[in-house]
Amino acid sequence: MLLVLDSLALLYELVTQALGGPAAFFDFFSYFTILSNLFAIIMLAIMLGDSRPLYWDVIRGAITSYMVVTSLVNRVFLTSSPLDFTSNIPDTVLHVVTPLGVLWLWFAYPPQRRVAYADIRYWFIFPIVYVIFILLRGPGAGWYPYYFLDPRPAGGYARVGISVAFLMLLIGLVMLVVNSIGRIRRPR
């Protein structure tokens, strides 16, 4: 059910964005939210099958962390309105329902193998590559998906550097919590 719901929400957002033309279509894939939800869809589809890739629990922990970060950043930094499940259903699915569902799956179906705390360093690869991609693409595109990654306002790259450092700290804390939940809940 979560797989279908997330896929439909993502498809709706893609079609809506694509109506804005080719640049808007490519901008769509510049959102951490969209990429994280794509990872979640792939993860949910794999969970339907019987076989799992090597390092499955490490990969699933990373995706769970990205989804929790997606929700936290959206609710704390990007949305000033109270939580409303009816005004923009696809947005709510991408930022609230799927992250909570993925976190619940991590708790309800814990990792089969203990994920070492050292493995968390691999979980940082996507967020770091994402930030580098946005900072390289932004000047040419004249657009940044999030205000805190846009160096054009006052403060420039120094402000962006502070934002990125804070976000990496937040991401690291989320990763530690997600991994700890998996370690506590792991089947004996």
N, C-alpha and C. Protein backbone atom coordinates (compact mmCIF):
# COMPACT_ATOMS: atom_id res chain seq x y z
N MET A 1 0.82 -1.20 0.00
CA MET A 1 0.00 0.00 0.00
C MET A 1 0.87 1.26 0.00
N LEU A 2 1.89 1.29 0.86
CA LEU A 2 2.78 2.44 0.93
C LEU A 2 3.51 2.63 -0.39
N LEU A 3 3.90 1.53 -1.02
CA LEU A 3 4.58 1.58 -2.32
C LEU A 3 3.68 2.25 -3.36
N VAL A 4 2.43 1.86 -3.41
CA VAL A 4 1.48 2.42 -4.38
C VAL A 4 1.22 3.89 -4.08
N LEU A 5 0.99 4.20 -2.83
CA LEU A 5 0.71 5.58 -2.42
C LEU A 5 1.87 6.51 -2.76
N ASP A 6 3.08 6.10 -2.41
CA ASP A 6 4.27 6.91 -2.68
C ASP A 6 4.50 7.05 -4.18
N SER A 7 4.31 5.97 -4.93
CA SER A 7 4.49 6.00 -6.38
C SER A 7 3.50 6.96 -7.04
N LEU A 8 2.25 6.91 -6.60
CA LEU A 8 1.23 7.81 -7.16
C LEU A 8 1.52 9.27 -6.82
N ALA A 9 1.93 9.53 -5.60
CA ALA A 9 2.26 10.90 -5.20
C ALA A 9 3.43 11.43 -6.01
N LEU A 10 4.44 10.60 -6.20
CA LEU A 10 5.61 11.00 -6.97
C LEU A 10 5.24 11.23 -8.44
N LEU A 11 4.43 10.35 -8.98
CA LEU A 11 3.98 10.49 -10.37
C LEU A 11 3.16 11.78 -10.55
N TYR A 12 2.28 12.05 -9.61
CA TYR A 12 1.49 13.29 -9.67
C TYR A 12 2.40 14.51 -9.68
N GLU A 13 3.37 14.52 -8.77
CA GLU A 13 4.30 15.66 -8.69
C GLU A 13 5.13 15.77 -9.97
N LEU A 14 5.55 14.65 -10.53
CA LEU A 14 6.34 14.65 -11.76
C LEU A 14 5.53 15.24 -12.92
N VAL A 15 4.30 14.78 -13.09
CA VAL A 15 3.46 15.28 -14.18
C VAL A 15 3.19 16.77 -13.99
N THR A 16 2.87 17.17 -12.78
CA THR A 16 2.61 18.58 -12.49
C THR A 16 3.83 19.43 -12.80
N GLN A 17 4.99 18.97 -12.40
CA GLN A 17 6.24 19.71 -12.63
C GLN A 17 6.59 19.72 -14.12
N ALA A 18 6.38 18.61 -14.80
CA ALA A 18 6.75 18.50 -16.22
C ALA A 18 5.95 19.46 -17.09
N LEU A 19 4.77 19.86 -16.62
CA LEU A 19 3.96 20.81 -17.37
C LEU A 19 4.65 22.16 -17.47
N GLY A 20 5.62 22.40 -16.60
CA GLY A 20 6.37 23.66 -16.62
C GLY A 20 7.48 23.68 -17.66
N GLY A 21 7.66 22.62 -18.41
CA GLY A 21 8.68 22.59 -19.45
C GLY A 21 9.88 21.76 -19.06
N PRO A 22 10.84 21.65 -19.99
CA PRO A 22 12.02 20.80 -19.75
C PRO A 22 12.84 21.20 -18.53
N ALA A 23 13.04 22.49 -18.31
CA ALA A 23 13.83 22.92 -17.15
C ALA A 23 13.14 22.51 -15.86
N ALA A 24 11.83 22.66 -15.81
CA ALA A 24 11.08 22.28 -14.61
C ALA A 24 11.15 20.77 -14.38
N PHE A 25 11.15 20.01 -15.47
CA PHE A 25 11.27 18.56 -15.37
C PHE A 25 12.60 18.19 -14.71
N PHE A 26 13.69 18.81 -15.16
CA PHE A 26 15.00 18.51 -14.58
C PHE A 26 15.13 19.06 -13.16
N ASP A 27 14.50 20.21 -12.91
CA ASP A 27 14.49 20.75 -11.54
C ASP A 27 13.82 19.77 -10.57
N PHE A 28 12.81 19.08 -11.05
CA PHE A 28 12.08 18.12 -10.23
C PHE A 28 13.03 17.12 -9.58
N PHE A 29 14.01 16.65 -10.35
CA PHE A 29 14.95 15.66 -9.85
C PHE A 29 16.11 16.28 -9.06
N SER A 30 16.01 17.56 -8.78
CA SER A 30 17.01 18.24 -7.95
C SER A 30 16.56 18.36 -6.50
N TYR A 31 15.40 17.85 -6.18
CA TYR A 31 14.91 17.90 -4.80
C TYR A 31 15.34 16.64 -4.04
N PHE A 32 15.89 16.85 -2.86
CA PHE A 32 16.26 15.73 -1.98
C PHE A 32 15.03 14.88 -1.69
N THR A 33 13.90 15.54 -1.51
CA THR A 33 12.63 14.85 -1.25
C THR A 33 12.31 13.85 -2.36
N ILE A 34 12.43 14.28 -3.59
CA ILE A 34 12.09 13.42 -4.73
C ILE A 34 13.04 12.24 -4.82
N LEU A 35 14.33 12.52 -4.71
CA LEU A 35 15.32 11.45 -4.79
C LEU A 35 15.17 10.46 -3.65
N SER A 36 14.92 10.96 -2.44
CA SER A 36 14.73 10.08 -1.29
C SER A 36 13.50 9.20 -1.47
N ASN A 37 12.43 9.78 -2.00
CA ASN A 37 11.22 9.00 -2.24
C ASN A 37 11.42 7.98 -3.36
N LEU A 38 12.22 8.31 -4.36
CA LEU A 38 12.55 7.31 -5.38
C LEU A 38 13.30 6.14 -4.76
N PHE A 39 14.26 6.44 -3.89
CA PHE A 39 14.96 5.37 -3.17
C PHE A 39 13.98 4.54 -2.35
N ALA A 40 13.03 5.23 -1.70
CA ALA A 40 12.05 4.52 -0.86
C ALA A 40 11.18 3.60 -1.71
N ILE A 41 10.78 4.06 -2.88
CA ILE A 41 9.97 3.23 -3.77
C ILE A 41 10.74 1.97 -4.18
N ILE A 42 12.00 2.14 -4.54
CA ILE A 42 12.83 0.99 -4.90
C ILE A 42 12.95 0.04 -3.71
N MET A 43 13.19 0.60 -2.53
CA MET A 43 13.32 -0.21 -1.33
C MET A 43 12.03 -0.98 -1.05
N LEU A 44 10.90 -0.30 -1.13
CA LEU A 44 9.61 -0.95 -0.87
C LEU A 44 9.32 -2.05 -1.88
N ALA A 45 9.70 -1.82 -3.14
CA ALA A 45 9.50 -2.85 -4.16
C ALA A 45 10.37 -4.07 -3.88
N ILE A 46 11.61 -3.84 -3.47
CA ILE A 46 12.50 -4.96 -3.14
C ILE A 46 11.96 -5.73 -1.95
N MET A 47 11.37 -5.03 -0.99
CA MET A 47 10.84 -5.69 0.20
C MET A 47 9.68 -6.63 -0.13
N LEU A 48 9.04 -6.44 -1.28
CA LEU A 48 7.95 -7.33 -1.68
C LEU A 48 8.47 -8.69 -2.13
N GLY A 49 9.71 -8.73 -2.57
CA GLY A 49 10.30 -9.98 -3.06
C GLY A 49 10.94 -10.79 -1.95
N ASP A 50 11.46 -11.95 -2.34
CA ASP A 50 12.08 -12.85 -1.38
C ASP A 50 13.58 -12.64 -1.25
N SER A 51 14.23 -12.19 -2.31
CA SER A 51 15.69 -12.03 -2.24
C SER A 51 16.05 -10.58 -1.94
N ARG A 52 17.15 -10.43 -1.24
CA ARG A 52 17.63 -9.11 -0.86
C ARG A 52 19.08 -8.97 -1.31
N PRO A 53 19.46 -7.78 -1.74
CA PRO A 53 20.86 -7.58 -2.12
C PRO A 53 21.78 -7.71 -0.91
N LEU A 54 23.03 -8.00 -1.20
CA LEU A 54 24.04 -8.01 -0.15
C LEU A 54 24.06 -6.62 0.48
N TYR A 55 24.27 -6.53 1.73
CA TYR A 55 24.26 -5.25 2.47
C TYR A 55 22.88 -4.60 2.49
N TRP A 56 21.83 -5.40 2.36
CA TRP A 56 20.47 -4.88 2.34
C TRP A 56 20.16 -4.02 3.55
N ASP A 57 20.52 -4.48 4.74
CA ASP A 57 20.18 -3.73 5.95
C ASP A 57 20.91 -2.39 5.99
N VAL A 58 22.12 -2.34 5.47
CA VAL A 58 22.87 -1.08 5.40
C VAL A 58 22.16 -0.12 4.45
N ILE A 59 21.74 -0.62 3.30
CA ILE A 59 21.05 0.20 2.31
C ILE A 59 19.70 0.68 2.86
N ARG A 60 18.97 -0.21 3.47
CA ARG A 60 17.64 0.13 4.01
C ARG A 60 17.77 1.15 5.14
N GLY A 61 18.79 1.01 5.97
CA GLY A 61 19.01 1.99 7.03
C GLY A 61 19.30 3.38 6.48
N ALA A 62 20.09 3.42 5.40
CA ALA A 62 20.40 4.71 4.77
C ALA A 62 19.13 5.35 4.23
N ILE A 63 18.32 4.58 3.52
CA ILE A 63 17.09 5.12 2.93
C ILE A 63 16.12 5.56 4.02
N THR A 64 16.03 4.79 5.08
CA THR A 64 15.17 5.18 6.21
C THR A 64 15.64 6.51 6.77
N SER A 65 16.93 6.68 6.92
CA SER A 65 17.49 7.94 7.42
C SER A 65 17.16 9.10 6.49
N TYR A 66 17.32 8.90 5.18
CA TYR A 66 17.02 9.97 4.22
C TYR A 66 15.55 10.38 4.30
N MET A 67 14.67 9.41 4.48
CA MET A 67 13.25 9.73 4.56
C MET A 67 12.92 10.50 5.84
N VAL A 68 13.52 10.12 6.95
CA VAL A 68 13.29 10.85 8.20
C VAL A 68 13.81 12.28 8.07
N VAL A 69 14.99 12.44 7.47
CA VAL A 69 15.55 13.78 7.26
C VAL A 69 14.64 14.60 6.34
N THR A 70 14.12 13.98 5.30
CA THR A 70 13.18 14.66 4.39
C THR A 70 12.01 15.24 5.17
N SER A 71 11.44 14.45 6.03
CA SER A 71 10.29 14.90 6.82
C SER A 71 10.68 15.99 7.81
N LEU A 72 11.77 15.79 8.52
CA LEU A 72 12.20 16.77 9.52
C LEU A 72 12.52 18.12 8.89
N VAL A 73 13.31 18.12 7.82
CA VAL A 73 13.68 19.38 7.17
C VAL A 73 12.44 20.07 6.63
N ASN A 74 11.54 19.32 6.04
CA ASN A 74 10.31 19.91 5.53
C ASN A 74 9.49 20.54 6.64
N ARG A 75 9.28 19.81 7.71
CA ARG A 75 8.42 20.31 8.79
C ARG A 75 9.08 21.44 9.58
N VAL A 76 10.37 21.38 9.79
CA VAL A 76 11.04 22.37 10.63
C VAL A 76 11.48 23.61 9.85
N PHE A 77 11.99 23.43 8.63
CA PHE A 77 12.60 24.55 7.91
C PHE A 77 11.82 25.06 6.71
N LEU A 78 10.95 24.25 6.16
CA LEU A 78 10.31 24.63 4.90
C LEU A 78 8.82 24.88 4.99
N THR A 79 8.18 24.44 6.05
CA THR A 79 6.74 24.57 6.18
C THR A 79 6.40 25.32 7.46
N SER A 80 5.67 26.40 7.30
CA SER A 80 5.27 27.15 8.49
C SER A 80 3.84 26.83 8.90
N SER A 81 3.11 26.14 8.03
CA SER A 81 1.72 25.83 8.35
C SER A 81 1.62 24.58 9.21
N PRO A 82 0.54 24.47 9.98
CA PRO A 82 0.34 23.25 10.77
C PRO A 82 0.12 22.06 9.84
N LEU A 83 0.34 20.89 10.37
CA LEU A 83 0.19 19.67 9.59
C LEU A 83 -1.25 19.53 9.13
N ASP A 84 -1.43 19.44 7.81
CA ASP A 84 -2.76 19.33 7.21
C ASP A 84 -2.70 18.21 6.17
N PHE A 85 -3.39 17.13 6.45
CA PHE A 85 -3.33 15.96 5.58
C PHE A 85 -4.20 16.08 4.34
N THR A 86 -5.01 17.15 4.23
CA THR A 86 -5.96 17.21 3.12
C THR A 86 -5.67 18.29 2.09
N SER A 87 -4.91 19.33 2.41
CA SER A 87 -4.75 20.44 1.47
C SER A 87 -3.88 20.07 0.27
N ASN A 88 -2.83 19.30 0.48
CA ASN A 88 -1.96 18.87 -0.62
C ASN A 88 -1.57 17.42 -0.34
N ILE A 89 -2.41 16.52 -0.75
CA ILE A 89 -2.23 15.10 -0.41
C ILE A 89 -0.90 14.54 -0.94
N PRO A 90 -0.53 14.77 -2.21
CA PRO A 90 0.76 14.22 -2.67
C PRO A 90 1.94 14.73 -1.84
N ASP A 91 1.94 16.01 -1.52
CA ASP A 91 3.01 16.58 -0.71
C ASP A 91 3.05 15.94 0.67
N THR A 92 1.88 15.71 1.26
CA THR A 92 1.80 15.07 2.57
C THR A 92 2.31 13.63 2.51
N VAL A 93 1.99 12.94 1.43
CA VAL A 93 2.49 11.56 1.26
C VAL A 93 4.01 11.56 1.18
N LEU A 94 4.59 12.46 0.38
CA LEU A 94 6.04 12.50 0.19
C LEU A 94 6.81 12.94 1.42
N HIS A 95 6.22 13.87 2.20
CA HIS A 95 6.95 14.46 3.33
C HIS A 95 6.58 13.91 4.70
N VAL A 96 5.43 13.24 4.80
CA VAL A 96 4.98 12.77 6.12
C VAL A 96 4.65 11.28 6.11
N VAL A 97 3.72 10.88 5.25
CA VAL A 97 3.22 9.50 5.28
C VAL A 97 4.32 8.49 4.95
N THR A 98 5.01 8.69 3.84
CA THR A 98 6.06 7.73 3.46
C THR A 98 7.22 7.73 4.46
N PRO A 99 7.72 8.89 4.89
CA PRO A 99 8.78 8.83 5.91
C PRO A 99 8.36 8.09 7.18
N LEU A 100 7.15 8.35 7.65
CA LEU A 100 6.68 7.64 8.85
C LEU A 100 6.51 6.15 8.56
N GLY A 101 6.00 5.82 7.38
CA GLY A 101 5.82 4.42 7.01
C GLY A 101 7.14 3.67 6.90
N VAL A 102 8.14 4.31 6.30
CA VAL A 102 9.46 3.68 6.16
C VAL A 102 10.11 3.51 7.53
N LEU A 103 9.96 4.51 8.39
CA LEU A 103 10.51 4.40 9.75
C LEU A 103 9.80 3.29 10.51
N TRP A 104 8.48 3.18 10.35
CA TRP A 104 7.74 2.11 11.01
C TRP A 104 8.22 0.74 10.52
N LEU A 105 8.47 0.62 9.21
CA LEU A 105 8.97 -0.65 8.67
C LEU A 105 10.34 -1.01 9.25
N TRP A 106 11.18 -0.01 9.47
CA TRP A 106 12.50 -0.24 10.08
C TRP A 106 12.32 -0.76 11.51
N PHE A 107 11.32 -0.22 12.19
CA PHE A 107 11.06 -0.64 13.57
C PHE A 107 10.36 -2.00 13.60
N ALA A 108 9.36 -2.19 12.75
CA ALA A 108 8.57 -3.43 12.76
C ALA A 108 9.32 -4.61 12.16
N TYR A 109 10.16 -4.34 11.17
CA TYR A 109 10.96 -5.38 10.51
C TYR A 109 12.43 -4.98 10.59
N PRO A 110 13.00 -5.15 11.77
CA PRO A 110 14.37 -4.68 12.01
C PRO A 110 15.39 -5.42 11.14
N PRO A 111 16.59 -4.86 11.05
CA PRO A 111 17.64 -5.51 10.26
C PRO A 111 17.89 -6.93 10.74
N GLN A 112 18.15 -7.80 9.79
CA GLN A 112 18.47 -9.19 10.13
C GLN A 112 19.90 -9.31 10.66
N ARG A 113 20.75 -8.42 10.19
CA ARG A 113 22.14 -8.40 10.66
C ARG A 113 22.41 -7.06 11.32
N ARG A 114 23.27 -7.09 12.28
CA ARG A 114 23.64 -5.85 12.96
C ARG A 114 24.36 -4.93 11.98
N VAL A 115 23.88 -3.69 11.90
CA VAL A 115 24.54 -2.69 11.06
C VAL A 115 25.55 -1.97 11.95
N ALA A 116 26.81 -2.07 11.59
CA ALA A 116 27.87 -1.46 12.39
C ALA A 116 27.76 0.06 12.33
N TYR A 117 28.10 0.70 13.44
CA TYR A 117 28.09 2.17 13.44
C TYR A 117 29.05 2.71 12.39
N ALA A 118 30.12 1.97 12.11
CA ALA A 118 31.07 2.40 11.08
C ALA A 118 30.42 2.47 9.69
N ASP A 119 29.37 1.67 9.48
CA ASP A 119 28.69 1.67 8.18
C ASP A 119 27.94 2.98 7.92
N ILE A 120 27.69 3.73 8.97
CA ILE A 120 26.98 5.00 8.80
C ILE A 120 27.76 5.94 7.88
N ARG A 121 29.07 5.81 7.87
CA ARG A 121 29.86 6.69 6.99
C ARG A 121 29.43 6.53 5.53
N TYR A 122 28.98 5.34 5.14
CA TYR A 122 28.51 5.13 3.77
C TYR A 122 27.16 5.80 3.54
N TRP A 123 26.41 5.96 4.59
CA TRP A 123 25.10 6.61 4.48
C TRP A 123 25.24 8.09 4.13
N PHE A 124 26.41 8.66 4.40
CA PHE A 124 26.65 10.07 4.08
C PHE A 124 26.93 10.30 2.60
N ILE A 125 27.22 9.25 1.85
CA ILE A 125 27.61 9.44 0.44
C ILE A 125 26.54 10.18 -0.34
N PHE A 126 25.30 9.73 -0.26
CA PHE A 126 24.24 10.39 -1.03
C PHE A 126 24.05 11.85 -0.62
N PRO A 127 23.90 12.19 0.67
CA PRO A 127 23.73 13.60 1.01
C PRO A 127 24.89 14.49 0.56
N ILE A 128 26.11 13.98 0.66
CA ILE A 128 27.27 14.78 0.25
C ILE A 128 27.29 14.97 -1.26
N VAL A 129 27.07 13.89 -2.00
CA VAL A 129 27.02 13.99 -3.47
C VAL A 129 25.87 14.91 -3.89
N TYR A 130 24.74 14.82 -3.18
CA TYR A 130 23.60 15.68 -3.49
C TYR A 130 23.96 17.16 -3.34
N VAL A 131 24.58 17.53 -2.23
CA VAL A 131 24.95 18.93 -2.00
C VAL A 131 25.93 19.41 -3.06
N ILE A 132 26.92 18.59 -3.37
CA ILE A 132 27.90 18.96 -4.41
C ILE A 132 27.19 19.16 -5.75
N PHE A 133 26.29 18.25 -6.10
CA PHE A 133 25.53 18.36 -7.35
C PHE A 133 24.75 19.67 -7.40
N ILE A 134 24.05 19.99 -6.33
CA ILE A 134 23.23 21.21 -6.30
C ILE A 134 24.11 22.46 -6.41
N LEU A 135 25.23 22.47 -5.70
CA LEU A 135 26.10 23.65 -5.74
C LEU A 135 26.79 23.80 -7.09
N LEU A 136 27.02 22.71 -7.80
CA LEU A 136 27.60 22.79 -9.15
C LEU A 136 26.53 23.14 -10.19
N ARG A 137 25.34 22.62 -10.04
CA ARG A 137 24.27 22.84 -11.00
C ARG A 137 23.62 24.22 -10.84
N GLY A 138 23.50 24.67 -9.60
CA GLY A 138 22.77 25.89 -9.30
C GLY A 138 23.17 27.12 -10.10
N PRO A 139 24.46 27.46 -10.17
CA PRO A 139 24.83 28.68 -10.91
C PRO A 139 24.42 28.63 -12.39
N GLY A 140 24.58 27.50 -13.03
CA GLY A 140 24.20 27.38 -14.44
C GLY A 140 22.69 27.38 -14.64
N ALA A 141 21.99 26.75 -13.71
CA ALA A 141 20.53 26.68 -13.81
C ALA A 141 19.88 27.97 -13.32
N GLY A 142 20.61 28.73 -12.49
CA GLY A 142 20.03 29.94 -11.91
C GLY A 142 18.94 29.63 -10.90
N TRP A 143 19.02 28.45 -10.33
CA TRP A 143 17.96 27.98 -9.43
C TRP A 143 18.53 26.98 -8.45
N TYR A 144 18.05 27.05 -7.22
CA TYR A 144 18.43 26.11 -6.16
C TYR A 144 17.14 25.58 -5.53
N PRO A 145 17.06 24.28 -5.26
CA PRO A 145 15.81 23.72 -4.76
C PRO A 145 15.46 24.15 -3.33
N TYR A 146 16.46 24.55 -2.56
CA TYR A 146 16.22 24.93 -1.17
C TYR A 146 16.96 26.23 -0.87
N TYR A 147 16.30 27.12 -0.16
CA TYR A 147 16.88 28.43 0.13
C TYR A 147 18.20 28.32 0.88
N PHE A 148 18.36 27.31 1.71
CA PHE A 148 19.57 27.20 2.52
C PHE A 148 20.77 26.68 1.72
N LEU A 149 20.55 26.29 0.47
CA LEU A 149 21.66 25.89 -0.41
C LEU A 149 21.94 26.95 -1.48
N ASP A 150 21.22 28.05 -1.43
CA ASP A 150 21.35 29.12 -2.42
C ASP A 150 22.34 30.17 -1.92
N PRO A 151 23.50 30.32 -2.59
CA PRO A 151 24.50 31.28 -2.12
C PRO A 151 24.24 32.72 -2.55
N ARG A 152 23.20 32.98 -3.32
CA ARG A 152 22.98 34.33 -3.85
C ARG A 152 22.55 35.35 -2.80
N PRO A 153 21.74 35.00 -1.82
CA PRO A 153 21.40 36.01 -0.80
C PRO A 153 22.60 36.36 0.08
N ALA A 154 22.40 37.34 0.94
CA ALA A 154 23.47 37.78 1.84
C ALA A 154 24.08 36.60 2.57
N GLY A 155 25.38 36.63 2.70
CA GLY A 155 26.08 35.55 3.39
C GLY A 155 26.77 34.61 2.43
N GLY A 156 26.25 34.50 1.20
CA GLY A 156 26.87 33.70 0.16
C GLY A 156 27.22 32.28 0.56
N TYR A 157 28.39 31.85 0.11
CA TYR A 157 28.81 30.48 0.35
C TYR A 157 29.15 30.22 1.82
N ALA A 158 29.50 31.25 2.56
CA ALA A 158 29.75 31.06 4.00
C ALA A 158 28.46 30.63 4.69
N ARG A 159 27.35 31.28 4.35
CA ARG A 159 26.05 30.91 4.92
C ARG A 159 25.66 29.50 4.49
N VAL A 160 25.89 29.19 3.21
CA VAL A 160 25.58 27.85 2.71
C VAL A 160 26.43 26.81 3.44
N GLY A 161 27.71 27.14 3.66
CA GLY A 161 28.60 26.22 4.38
C GLY A 161 28.10 25.93 5.79
N ILE A 162 27.62 26.97 6.46
CA ILE A 162 27.06 26.78 7.81
C ILE A 162 25.79 25.92 7.73
N SER A 163 24.95 26.20 6.74
CA SER A 163 23.73 25.41 6.56
C SER A 163 24.06 23.94 6.30
N VAL A 164 25.02 23.70 5.43
CA VAL A 164 25.41 22.33 5.09
C VAL A 164 25.99 21.63 6.32
N ALA A 165 26.83 22.33 7.08
CA ALA A 165 27.40 21.73 8.29
C ALA A 165 26.29 21.35 9.27
N PHE A 166 25.32 22.25 9.45
CA PHE A 166 24.20 21.97 10.34
C PHE A 166 23.38 20.78 9.83
N LEU A 167 23.11 20.76 8.52
CA LEU A 167 22.33 19.66 7.94
C LEU A 167 23.07 18.33 8.08
N MET A 168 24.37 18.33 7.87
CA MET A 168 25.14 17.08 8.02
C MET A 168 25.12 16.60 9.47
N LEU A 169 25.14 17.54 10.40
CA LEU A 169 25.02 17.18 11.81
C LEU A 169 23.64 16.57 12.08
N LEU A 170 22.60 17.20 11.58
CA LEU A 170 21.24 16.68 11.72
C LEU A 170 21.13 15.29 11.08
N ILE A 171 21.65 15.16 9.87
CA ILE A 171 21.61 13.87 9.18
C ILE A 171 22.35 12.82 9.98
N GLY A 172 23.51 13.17 10.50
CA GLY A 172 24.29 12.23 11.32
C GLY A 172 23.53 11.78 12.55
N LEU A 173 22.86 12.72 13.22
CA LEU A 173 22.07 12.36 14.40
C LEU A 173 20.92 11.43 14.04
N VAL A 174 20.23 11.73 12.95
CA VAL A 174 19.14 10.87 12.49
C VAL A 174 19.68 9.48 12.18
N MET A 175 20.82 9.43 11.52
CA MET A 175 21.43 8.13 11.18
C MET A 175 21.77 7.33 12.43
N LEU A 176 22.30 8.00 13.43
CA LEU A 176 22.62 7.30 14.69
C LEU A 176 21.36 6.75 15.35
N VAL A 177 20.30 7.55 15.36
CA VAL A 177 19.04 7.11 15.96
C VAL A 177 18.45 5.93 15.18
N VAL A 178 18.41 6.04 13.86
CA VAL A 178 17.87 4.96 13.03
C VAL A 178 18.68 3.68 13.24
N ASN A 179 20.00 3.80 13.23
CA ASN A 179 20.83 2.61 13.44
C ASN A 179 20.63 2.03 14.84
N SER A 180 20.50 2.89 15.83
CA SER A 180 20.28 2.41 17.20
C SER A 180 18.96 1.66 17.32
N ILE A 181 17.92 2.18 16.67
CA ILE A 181 16.62 1.48 16.68
C ILE A 181 16.79 0.10 16.06
N GLY A 182 17.49 0.03 14.95
CA GLY A 182 17.72 -1.25 14.29
C GLY A 182 18.51 -2.22 15.15
N ARG A 183 19.48 -1.70 15.89
CA ARG A 183 20.30 -2.55 16.75
C ARG A 183 19.50 -3.07 17.94
N ILE A 184 18.65 -2.22 18.49
CA ILE A 184 17.83 -2.62 19.64
C ILE A 184 16.77 -3.63 19.21
N ARG A 185 16.16 -3.39 18.06
CA ARG A 185 15.05 -4.22 17.59
C ARG A 185 15.50 -5.45 16.83
N ARG A 186 16.78 -5.59 16.54
CA ARG A 186 17.28 -6.69 15.72
C ARG A 186 16.89 -8.03 16.32
N PRO A 187 16.39 -8.96 15.49
CA PRO A 187 16.05 -10.30 16.00
C PRO A 187 17.28 -10.99 16.58
N ARG A 188 17.09 -11.72 17.63
CA ARG A 188 18.22 -12.42 18.29
C ARG A 188 18.47 -13.75 17.65
